[in-house]
Amino acid sequence: MTVRKIKKVLISQPEPANGKSPYYDLGEKYNVEVSFRPFIKVEGVPLKEFRQQRINILDFTGVVMTSRTSIDHFFSLCEEMKITVPDTMKYFCVSEAVALYLQKYIVYRKRRIFFSQTGKIDGLDAAFTKHSKEKILVPVPEEHSDEVEKFMSSKKLNFLTSVMYRTVSNDYAEGETLDADIILFFSPLGVSSLLKNFPDFKQSDMAIGCFGAGTAKFIEENGLRVDCLAPQPEFPSMTMALEAFLKDNHKKHS
């Protein structure tokens, strides 16, 4: 199947808050229209569902934060339940960036905050060893790897995971159309959202690009075609892969 000439690029991610993106730069360079439209979104679990987990947040003396999203949904649940997190709560964060994000909710300098230098849970080894007696809560999304649990179990820590948020399809409004010549996906969930919103979707000469082998596999398993793939040795980023694709596409249609 020959891919049509690309005039409109749809990025299945939120639009950058500052209005700047290397995708916009590509749009200007190749005279294509670039738009952002997230196909998935993160939602907190309903309070009723959280309560079914029978977890009392105030029973815990420490909390592991694996992302900014986990911070948002932890404090959102606390606010909804009218819980004031005690000043004595210890925060174990997987990176300094995640730790600094706590400033949105707490007075940073007055709290016991530890962060990994490696960006992974094992970078908290020393902190967990020093505070091995804490009772620790681990907020997680519904779909999550067991990396954190495995590490904490290996340290024989007293911890409990709690599902506080999940990724769901960001539905199109009734009558809304899919106006693009190429769509870029970054997760299998984004592709699932496309198929949910447009059950009669036919790819035909539209192009599909994606980041990651897992996403590519999911696309192909659903009878669709991957035309632009990253990362590759020569194209480590999605923007680099897209630029090469646009260059080749425009050459073919010139």
Protein backbone atom coordinates (compact mmCIF):
# COMPACT_ATOMS: atom_id res chain seq x y z
CA MET A 1 0.00 0.00 0.00
CA THR A 2 1.40 3.39 -1.04
CA VAL A 3 0.99 5.97 1.71
CA ARG A 4 -0.74 9.21 0.68
CA LYS A 5 1.10 12.52 0.72
CA ILE A 6 1.32 13.66 4.32
CA LYS A 7 -0.27 17.05 4.97
CA LYS A 8 -1.62 16.54 8.50
CA VAL A 9 0.22 14.90 11.41
CA LEU A 10 -1.68 13.88 14.56
CA ILE A 11 0.36 13.30 17.73
CA SER A 12 -1.59 11.21 20.24
CA GLN A 13 -0.22 13.16 23.22
CA PRO A 14 -1.26 16.32 25.09
CA GLU A 15 -0.29 19.60 23.47
CA PRO A 16 2.84 21.10 25.09
CA ALA A 17 1.87 23.68 27.71
CA ASN A 18 4.46 26.18 26.48
CA GLY A 19 3.37 25.82 22.85
CA LYS A 20 6.83 24.65 21.81
CA SER A 21 7.68 21.24 20.38
CA PRO A 22 10.16 19.73 17.90
CA TYR A 23 7.06 18.42 16.11
CA TYR A 24 6.02 22.01 15.35
CA ASP A 25 9.50 22.63 13.98
CA LEU A 26 9.08 19.64 11.64
CA GLY A 27 5.68 20.99 10.62
CA GLU A 28 7.25 24.26 9.48
CA LYS A 29 10.16 22.54 7.78
CA TYR A 30 7.99 20.15 5.74
CA ASN A 31 4.91 22.36 5.42
CA VAL A 32 2.58 19.97 7.26
CA GLU A 33 -0.08 20.72 9.86
CA VAL A 34 0.79 19.30 13.29
CA SER A 35 -1.87 18.78 15.95
CA PHE A 36 -1.92 17.13 19.36
CA ARG A 37 -4.81 15.06 20.67
CA PRO A 38 -4.28 12.61 23.56
CA PHE A 39 -5.99 9.29 22.93
CA ILE A 40 -5.66 8.27 26.58
CA LYS A 41 -5.97 10.03 29.93
CA VAL A 42 -5.28 9.19 33.56
CA GLU A 43 -8.18 9.10 36.04
CA GLY A 44 -8.15 8.58 39.77
CA VAL A 45 -10.08 5.59 41.07
CA PRO A 46 -13.46 6.57 42.55
CA LEU A 47 -13.46 7.01 46.32
CA LYS A 48 -15.89 4.11 46.74
CA GLU A 49 -13.51 1.82 44.84
CA PHE A 50 -10.53 2.96 46.89
CA ARG A 51 -12.38 2.28 50.13
CA GLN A 52 -13.02 -1.30 48.98
CA GLN A 53 -9.25 -1.80 49.31
CA ARG A 54 -9.71 -1.27 53.08
CA ILE A 55 -6.64 0.93 53.36
CA ASN A 56 -6.27 3.60 56.03
CA ILE A 57 -3.67 6.07 54.78
CA LEU A 58 -2.98 7.33 58.30
CA ASP A 59 -1.80 3.83 59.29
CA PHE A 60 1.31 4.39 57.17
CA THR A 61 4.48 6.26 58.11
CA GLY A 62 6.00 6.37 54.62
CA VAL A 63 4.89 6.51 50.99
CA VAL A 64 6.71 5.61 47.78
CA MET A 65 6.22 8.04 44.88
CA THR A 66 7.05 6.57 41.48
CA SER A 67 5.83 9.52 39.38
CA ARG A 68 4.25 12.96 39.50
CA THR A 69 0.96 11.28 38.64
CA SER A 70 1.18 9.09 41.75
CA ILE A 71 1.72 12.24 43.85
CA ASP A 72 -1.30 14.00 42.31
CA HIS A 73 -3.64 11.07 42.91
CA PHE A 74 -2.36 10.31 46.43
CA PHE A 75 -3.01 13.87 47.60
CA SER A 76 -6.26 14.07 45.63
CA LEU A 77 -7.59 11.04 47.49
CA CYS A 78 -6.41 12.49 50.80
CA GLU A 79 -8.25 15.73 50.05
CA GLU A 80 -11.40 13.88 49.03
CA MET A 81 -11.35 11.91 52.29
CA LYS A 82 -10.48 15.07 54.27
CA ILE A 83 -7.24 13.48 55.48
CA THR A 84 -4.40 15.74 56.60
CA VAL A 85 -1.14 13.97 55.84
CA PRO A 86 1.03 14.26 58.98
CA ASP A 87 4.27 16.24 58.85
CA THR A 88 6.08 13.11 60.01
CA MET A 89 5.24 11.20 56.79
CA LYS A 90 8.39 10.06 54.96
CA TYR A 91 8.47 10.23 51.14
CA PHE A 92 10.59 7.82 49.08
CA CYS A 93 10.79 9.09 45.48
CA VAL A 94 12.27 7.38 42.41
CA SER A 95 13.97 10.58 41.20
CA GLU A 96 14.80 14.10 42.31
CA ALA A 97 12.31 15.52 39.78
CA VAL A 98 9.52 13.49 41.38
CA ALA A 99 10.66 14.56 44.85
CA LEU A 100 10.67 18.24 43.90
CA TYR A 101 7.13 17.90 42.55
CA LEU A 102 6.02 17.28 46.16
CA GLN A 103 6.36 21.05 46.65
CA LYS A 104 2.98 21.36 44.97
CA TYR A 105 1.42 19.81 48.08
CA ILE A 106 3.82 20.11 51.03
CA VAL A 107 6.44 22.43 52.50
CA TYR A 108 9.44 20.61 51.05
CA ARG A 109 12.22 21.72 53.40
CA LYS A 110 10.32 20.63 56.51
CA ARG A 111 9.67 17.03 55.40
CA ARG A 112 11.59 13.77 55.39
CA ILE A 113 12.13 13.23 51.66
CA PHE A 114 14.47 10.71 50.05
CA PHE A 115 15.09 10.27 46.33
CA SER A 116 16.90 7.83 44.07
CA GLN A 117 19.89 9.09 42.11
CA THR A 118 19.38 6.38 39.48
CA GLY A 119 15.76 7.11 38.55
CA LYS A 120 14.85 3.60 39.73
CA ILE A 121 13.63 2.10 42.97
CA ASP A 122 16.95 0.39 43.74
CA GLY A 123 18.53 3.83 44.13
CA LEU A 124 16.58 4.08 47.40
CA ASP A 125 18.39 1.08 48.87
CA ALA A 126 20.26 3.06 51.53
CA ALA A 127 17.16 5.06 52.52
CA PHE A 128 15.08 1.88 52.90
CA THR A 129 17.85 0.22 54.93
CA LYS A 130 17.97 3.21 57.30
CA HIS A 131 14.16 3.32 57.61
CA SER A 132 13.39 -0.40 57.48
CA LYS A 133 10.83 -0.21 60.31
CA GLU A 134 8.46 2.13 58.48
CA LYS A 135 5.03 1.00 57.29
CA ILE A 136 5.04 2.07 53.65
CA LEU A 137 2.22 2.71 51.17
CA VAL A 138 2.91 2.43 47.43
CA PRO A 139 0.35 4.22 45.17
CA VAL A 140 0.27 2.50 41.77
CA PRO A 141 -1.75 2.64 38.55
CA GLU A 142 -4.07 -0.25 37.73
CA GLU A 143 -1.63 -1.48 35.06
CA HIS A 144 1.85 -1.53 36.58
CA SER A 145 5.04 -3.55 36.57
CA ASP A 146 6.08 -5.45 39.67
CA GLU A 147 9.59 -3.92 39.76
CA VAL A 148 8.89 -1.82 42.87
CA GLU A 149 7.16 -4.63 44.75
CA LYS A 150 9.92 -7.12 43.93
CA PHE A 151 12.62 -4.77 45.21
CA MET A 152 10.75 -3.87 48.38
CA SER A 153 9.99 -7.53 49.06
CA SER A 154 13.68 -8.36 48.64
CA LYS A 155 14.41 -5.73 51.32
CA LYS A 156 11.78 -7.38 53.57
CA LEU A 157 10.02 -4.04 54.00
CA ASN A 158 6.56 -3.66 55.52
CA PHE A 159 4.65 -2.24 52.55
CA LEU A 160 1.32 -2.34 50.77
CA THR A 161 0.47 -1.32 47.19
CA SER A 162 -2.73 0.57 46.48
CA VAL A 163 -4.33 1.17 43.09
CA MET A 164 -5.10 4.90 43.04
CA TYR A 165 -5.37 5.70 39.31
CA ARG A 166 -5.76 4.15 35.88
CA THR A 167 -5.29 4.99 32.21
CA VAL A 168 -8.50 5.10 30.20
CA SER A 169 -9.56 5.93 26.66
CA ASN A 170 -9.97 9.65 25.97
CA ASP A 171 -13.17 9.40 23.97
CA TYR A 172 -13.95 11.45 20.88
CA ALA A 173 -17.21 13.36 20.92
CA GLU A 174 -20.04 12.02 18.80
CA GLY A 175 -19.56 13.16 15.21
CA GLU A 176 -15.90 14.07 15.77
CA THR A 177 -13.72 12.84 12.91
CA LEU A 178 -10.19 11.55 12.59
CA ASP A 179 -8.54 14.24 10.49
CA ALA A 180 -4.97 13.10 9.81
CA ASP A 181 -2.67 11.57 7.21
CA ILE A 182 -0.40 10.04 9.85
CA ILE A 183 -1.07 9.28 13.52
CA LEU A 184 1.75 8.75 16.02
CA PHE A 185 1.14 6.37 18.93
CA PHE A 186 3.21 5.89 22.07
CA SER A 187 1.48 2.99 23.81
CA PRO A 188 -0.83 0.06 23.05
CA LEU A 189 -3.51 1.85 25.11
CA GLY A 190 -3.53 4.71 22.61
CA VAL A 191 -4.15 2.27 19.77
CA SER A 192 -6.94 0.61 21.79
CA SER A 193 -8.55 4.04 22.20
CA LEU A 194 -8.45 4.58 18.42
CA LEU A 195 -10.20 1.24 17.80
CA LYS A 196 -12.76 1.95 20.54
CA ASN A 197 -13.60 5.41 19.21
CA PHE A 198 -13.59 4.32 15.56
CA PRO A 199 -14.63 0.63 15.46
CA ASP A 200 -14.91 0.76 11.65
CA PHE A 201 -11.44 2.28 11.22
CA LYS A 202 -9.69 1.27 8.01
CA GLN A 203 -6.08 2.35 7.63
CA SER A 204 -5.91 2.21 3.82
CA ASP A 205 -3.31 4.76 2.63
CA MET A 206 -3.13 6.57 6.00
CA ALA A 207 0.22 6.18 7.75
CA ILE A 208 0.74 5.04 11.34
CA GLY A 209 3.87 5.75 13.32
CA CYS A 210 4.72 4.51 16.79
CA PHE A 211 7.32 4.49 19.53
CA GLY A 212 8.36 1.18 21.05
CA ALA A 213 8.37 -2.45 19.99
CA GLY A 214 5.39 -3.28 22.23
CA THR A 215 3.25 -0.62 20.58
CA ALA A 216 4.32 -1.77 17.10
CA LYS A 217 3.46 -5.38 17.95
CA PHE A 218 0.01 -4.36 19.21
CA ILE A 219 -0.67 -2.33 16.06
CA GLU A 220 0.19 -5.27 13.82
CA GLU A 221 -1.77 -7.74 15.95
CA ASN A 222 -4.83 -5.60 15.28
CA GLY A 223 -4.39 -5.85 11.52
CA LEU A 224 -2.84 -2.41 11.07
CA ARG A 225 0.44 -1.38 9.44
CA VAL A 226 3.38 0.45 11.00
CA ASP A 227 4.90 2.90 8.52
CA CYS A 228 7.18 4.91 10.81
CA LEU A 229 8.92 3.26 13.78
CA ALA A 230 11.14 4.51 16.61
CA PRO A 231 13.47 3.90 18.26
CA GLN A 232 15.87 2.56 15.67
CA PRO A 233 19.68 2.80 15.66
CA GLU A 234 19.59 5.71 13.21
CA PHE A 235 16.38 7.23 14.64
CA PRO A 236 16.47 7.01 18.47
CA SER A 237 13.57 9.47 18.87
CA MET A 238 10.08 9.67 17.40
CA THR A 239 10.79 13.11 15.96
CA MET A 240 13.87 11.83 14.12
CA ALA A 241 11.94 8.88 12.71
CA LEU A 242 9.09 11.18 11.66
CA GLU A 243 11.48 13.58 9.92
CA ALA A 244 13.02 10.76 7.89
CA PHE A 245 9.53 9.51 7.01
CA LEU A 246 8.29 12.97 5.93
CA LYS A 247 11.41 13.55 3.85
CA ASP A 248 10.92 10.25 2.03
CA ASN A 249 7.16 10.75 1.68
CA HIS A 250 7.48 14.17 0.13
CA LYS A 251 10.17 12.94 -2.24
CA LYS A 252 7.84 10.16 -3.46
CA HIS A 253 4.97 12.61 -4.00
CA SER A 254 6.96 15.47 -5.55
